[in-house]
Amino acid sequence: MRFHSKPTLDTSFLIDLIRQKPEAMAKINELIEVGIPLFTTTTHILELYRRAFLSASIHDNMQEVLAIKMLLLISR
């Protein structure tokens, strides 16, 4: 039986994507190009929502969270 690891993107990486940090953008593009499914957890998504609601730009950050959420498969 073979087990394949699935990359689970954590909160800090997802925040780097929202901030469009070059290293995070390059890595996400690399994973997408290779066709690797991208996972995160419900906890990481909840942390992003929490940070968005606590930010000065709630609407903009909520849009970023929604965009990221559309790219990912969410595991429990």
N, C-alpha and C. Protein backbone atom coordinates (compact mmCIF):
# COMPACT_ATOMS: atom_id res chain seq x y z
N MET A 1 0.84 -1.16 0.00
CA MET A 1 0.00 0.00 0.00
C MET A 1 0.90 1.24 0.00
N ARG A 2 0.60 2.19 -0.86
CA ARG A 2 1.38 3.42 -0.93
C ARG A 2 0.57 4.58 -0.36
N PHE A 3 1.23 5.38 0.42
CA PHE A 3 0.61 6.58 0.97
C PHE A 3 1.25 7.79 0.31
N HIS A 4 0.44 8.69 -0.15
CA HIS A 4 0.94 9.91 -0.75
C HIS A 4 0.72 11.05 0.24
N SER A 5 1.76 11.80 0.47
CA SER A 5 1.57 12.94 1.35
C SER A 5 0.89 14.05 0.57
N LYS A 6 0.06 14.77 1.23
CA LYS A 6 -0.61 15.89 0.59
C LYS A 6 -0.12 17.16 1.26
N PRO A 7 0.29 18.12 0.48
CA PRO A 7 0.76 19.36 1.10
C PRO A 7 -0.42 20.08 1.75
N THR A 8 -0.29 20.35 3.03
CA THR A 8 -1.30 21.09 3.77
C THR A 8 -0.74 22.46 4.05
N LEU A 9 -1.37 23.46 3.49
CA LEU A 9 -0.88 24.82 3.61
C LEU A 9 -1.33 25.41 4.95
N ASP A 10 -0.36 25.89 5.72
CA ASP A 10 -0.69 26.41 7.05
C ASP A 10 -1.03 27.90 6.99
N THR A 11 -1.46 28.41 8.13
CA THR A 11 -1.92 29.80 8.20
C THR A 11 -0.84 30.78 7.79
N SER A 12 0.38 30.59 8.25
CA SER A 12 1.43 31.55 7.91
C SER A 12 1.70 31.59 6.41
N PHE A 13 1.67 30.41 5.75
CA PHE A 13 1.86 30.39 4.30
C PHE A 13 0.69 31.09 3.60
N LEU A 14 -0.52 30.83 4.06
CA LEU A 14 -1.70 31.46 3.45
C LEU A 14 -1.68 32.97 3.63
N ILE A 15 -1.22 33.43 4.77
CA ILE A 15 -1.09 34.88 4.99
C ILE A 15 -0.04 35.46 4.05
N ASP A 16 1.05 34.73 3.86
CA ASP A 16 2.06 35.18 2.90
C ASP A 16 1.47 35.30 1.49
N LEU A 17 0.55 34.40 1.14
CA LEU A 17 -0.12 34.51 -0.16
C LEU A 17 -0.98 35.77 -0.22
N ILE A 18 -1.73 36.02 0.85
CA ILE A 18 -2.56 37.23 0.89
C ILE A 18 -1.69 38.48 0.74
N ARG A 19 -0.54 38.45 1.37
CA ARG A 19 0.39 39.59 1.30
C ARG A 19 1.21 39.58 0.00
N GLN A 20 1.00 38.56 -0.81
CA GLN A 20 1.66 38.38 -2.11
C GLN A 20 3.19 38.40 -1.99
N LYS A 21 3.68 37.70 -0.97
CA LYS A 21 5.13 37.59 -0.82
C LYS A 21 5.68 36.73 -1.96
N PRO A 22 6.75 37.17 -2.58
CA PRO A 22 7.28 36.48 -3.76
C PRO A 22 7.57 34.99 -3.55
N GLU A 23 8.12 34.63 -2.39
CA GLU A 23 8.45 33.22 -2.15
C GLU A 23 7.18 32.36 -2.12
N ALA A 24 6.15 32.87 -1.47
CA ALA A 24 4.89 32.12 -1.39
C ALA A 24 4.22 32.04 -2.75
N MET A 25 4.25 33.14 -3.49
CA MET A 25 3.64 33.15 -4.83
C MET A 25 4.36 32.17 -5.75
N ALA A 26 5.68 32.14 -5.68
CA ALA A 26 6.45 31.21 -6.52
C ALA A 26 6.13 29.77 -6.16
N LYS A 27 6.05 29.47 -4.86
CA LYS A 27 5.78 28.10 -4.43
C LYS A 27 4.38 27.65 -4.82
N ILE A 28 3.38 28.51 -4.65
CA ILE A 28 2.01 28.12 -5.00
C ILE A 28 1.90 27.91 -6.51
N ASN A 29 2.55 28.75 -7.28
CA ASN A 29 2.54 28.58 -8.74
C ASN A 29 3.21 27.27 -9.14
N GLU A 30 4.30 26.94 -8.48
CA GLU A 30 5.01 25.68 -8.76
C GLU A 30 4.10 24.48 -8.47
N LEU A 31 3.42 24.50 -7.33
CA LEU A 31 2.53 23.39 -6.96
C LEU A 31 1.36 23.27 -7.93
N ILE A 32 0.81 24.40 -8.34
CA ILE A 32 -0.31 24.40 -9.28
C ILE A 32 0.14 23.85 -10.64
N GLU A 33 1.30 24.31 -11.11
CA GLU A 33 1.81 23.86 -12.41
C GLU A 33 2.03 22.35 -12.44
N VAL A 34 2.52 21.79 -11.34
CA VAL A 34 2.78 20.36 -11.27
C VAL A 34 1.47 19.57 -11.13
N GLY A 35 0.43 20.25 -10.70
CA GLY A 35 -0.87 19.60 -10.56
C GLY A 35 -1.09 18.94 -9.22
N ILE A 36 -0.35 19.38 -8.21
CA ILE A 36 -0.51 18.81 -6.88
C ILE A 36 -1.74 19.42 -6.23
N PRO A 37 -2.65 18.57 -5.72
CA PRO A 37 -3.81 19.12 -5.01
C PRO A 37 -3.36 19.87 -3.75
N LEU A 38 -3.97 20.99 -3.51
CA LEU A 38 -3.59 21.83 -2.38
C LEU A 38 -4.63 21.74 -1.27
N PHE A 39 -4.16 21.42 -0.08
CA PHE A 39 -5.05 21.23 1.07
C PHE A 39 -4.74 22.25 2.16
N THR A 40 -5.76 22.54 2.93
CA THR A 40 -5.59 23.23 4.19
C THR A 40 -6.63 22.65 5.13
N THR A 41 -6.65 23.14 6.34
CA THR A 41 -7.62 22.62 7.31
C THR A 41 -8.68 23.70 7.61
N THR A 42 -9.78 23.25 8.17
CA THR A 42 -10.82 24.21 8.56
C THR A 42 -10.27 25.19 9.61
N THR A 43 -9.39 24.71 10.45
CA THR A 43 -8.79 25.59 11.46
C THR A 43 -8.00 26.72 10.82
N HIS A 44 -7.22 26.40 9.78
CA HIS A 44 -6.45 27.44 9.10
C HIS A 44 -7.37 28.45 8.42
N ILE A 45 -8.45 27.98 7.82
CA ILE A 45 -9.40 28.89 7.18
C ILE A 45 -10.06 29.79 8.23
N LEU A 46 -10.44 29.21 9.36
CA LEU A 46 -11.04 30.01 10.44
C LEU A 46 -10.07 31.07 10.94
N GLU A 47 -8.78 30.72 11.03
CA GLU A 47 -7.78 31.70 11.46
C GLU A 47 -7.69 32.85 10.45
N LEU A 48 -7.79 32.53 9.17
CA LEU A 48 -7.76 33.60 8.16
C LEU A 48 -8.96 34.52 8.29
N TYR A 49 -10.15 33.93 8.49
CA TYR A 49 -11.35 34.75 8.68
C TYR A 49 -11.20 35.64 9.91
N ARG A 50 -10.70 35.07 10.99
CA ARG A 50 -10.53 35.85 12.22
C ARG A 50 -9.61 37.03 11.97
N ARG A 51 -8.48 36.78 11.33
CA ARG A 51 -7.54 37.87 11.05
C ARG A 51 -8.15 38.91 10.12
N ALA A 52 -8.94 38.47 9.15
CA ALA A 52 -9.59 39.41 8.23
C ALA A 52 -10.55 40.32 9.00
N PHE A 53 -11.34 39.75 9.91
CA PHE A 53 -12.30 40.54 10.67
C PHE A 53 -11.61 41.50 11.65
N LEU A 54 -10.41 41.17 12.08
CA LEU A 54 -9.69 42.04 13.01
C LEU A 54 -8.85 43.09 12.29
N SER A 55 -8.77 43.02 10.98
CA SER A 55 -7.92 43.93 10.23
C SER A 55 -8.61 45.27 9.96
N ALA A 56 -7.83 46.21 9.51
CA ALA A 56 -8.36 47.53 9.15
C ALA A 56 -9.11 47.49 7.82
N SER A 57 -8.79 46.51 6.97
CA SER A 57 -9.40 46.38 5.64
C SER A 57 -10.21 45.10 5.57
N ILE A 58 -11.28 45.05 6.34
CA ILE A 58 -12.06 43.82 6.44
C ILE A 58 -12.54 43.33 5.07
N HIS A 59 -13.14 44.21 4.29
CA HIS A 59 -13.69 43.80 3.00
C HIS A 59 -12.61 43.25 2.07
N ASP A 60 -11.52 43.96 1.94
CA ASP A 60 -10.43 43.52 1.06
C ASP A 60 -9.86 42.18 1.51
N ASN A 61 -9.64 42.05 2.81
CA ASN A 61 -9.07 40.80 3.31
C ASN A 61 -10.04 39.64 3.20
N MET A 62 -11.33 39.91 3.36
CA MET A 62 -12.32 38.85 3.18
C MET A 62 -12.31 38.35 1.73
N GLN A 63 -12.16 39.27 0.79
CA GLN A 63 -12.07 38.89 -0.62
C GLN A 63 -10.86 38.00 -0.87
N GLU A 64 -9.74 38.33 -0.23
CA GLU A 64 -8.53 37.51 -0.36
C GLU A 64 -8.73 36.11 0.23
N VAL A 65 -9.38 36.04 1.38
CA VAL A 65 -9.65 34.74 2.01
C VAL A 65 -10.53 33.90 1.10
N LEU A 66 -11.56 34.50 0.55
CA LEU A 66 -12.46 33.76 -0.35
C LEU A 66 -11.72 33.27 -1.59
N ALA A 67 -10.85 34.10 -2.14
CA ALA A 67 -10.08 33.70 -3.34
C ALA A 67 -9.16 32.53 -3.02
N ILE A 68 -8.50 32.58 -1.89
CA ILE A 68 -7.61 31.49 -1.49
C ILE A 68 -8.41 30.22 -1.24
N LYS A 69 -9.54 30.38 -0.58
CA LYS A 69 -10.39 29.22 -0.25
C LYS A 69 -10.83 28.48 -1.52
N MET A 70 -11.02 29.20 -2.61
CA MET A 70 -11.44 28.58 -3.87
C MET A 70 -10.34 27.72 -4.48
N LEU A 71 -9.09 27.99 -4.16
CA LEU A 71 -7.95 27.23 -4.69
C LEU A 71 -7.71 25.92 -3.96
N LEU A 72 -8.24 25.80 -2.75
CA LEU A 72 -7.83 24.72 -1.85
C LEU A 72 -8.91 23.69 -1.61
N LEU A 73 -8.46 22.48 -1.31
CA LEU A 73 -9.33 21.45 -0.78
C LEU A 73 -9.21 21.55 0.74
N ILE A 74 -10.32 21.49 1.43
CA ILE A 74 -10.29 21.68 2.87
C ILE A 74 -10.55 20.35 3.57
N SER A 75 -9.60 19.97 4.40
CA SER A 75 -9.74 18.75 5.18
C SER A 75 -10.07 19.11 6.62
N ARG A 76 -10.62 18.17 7.32
CA ARG A 76 -11.04 18.45 8.71
C ARG A 76 -9.94 18.27 9.67
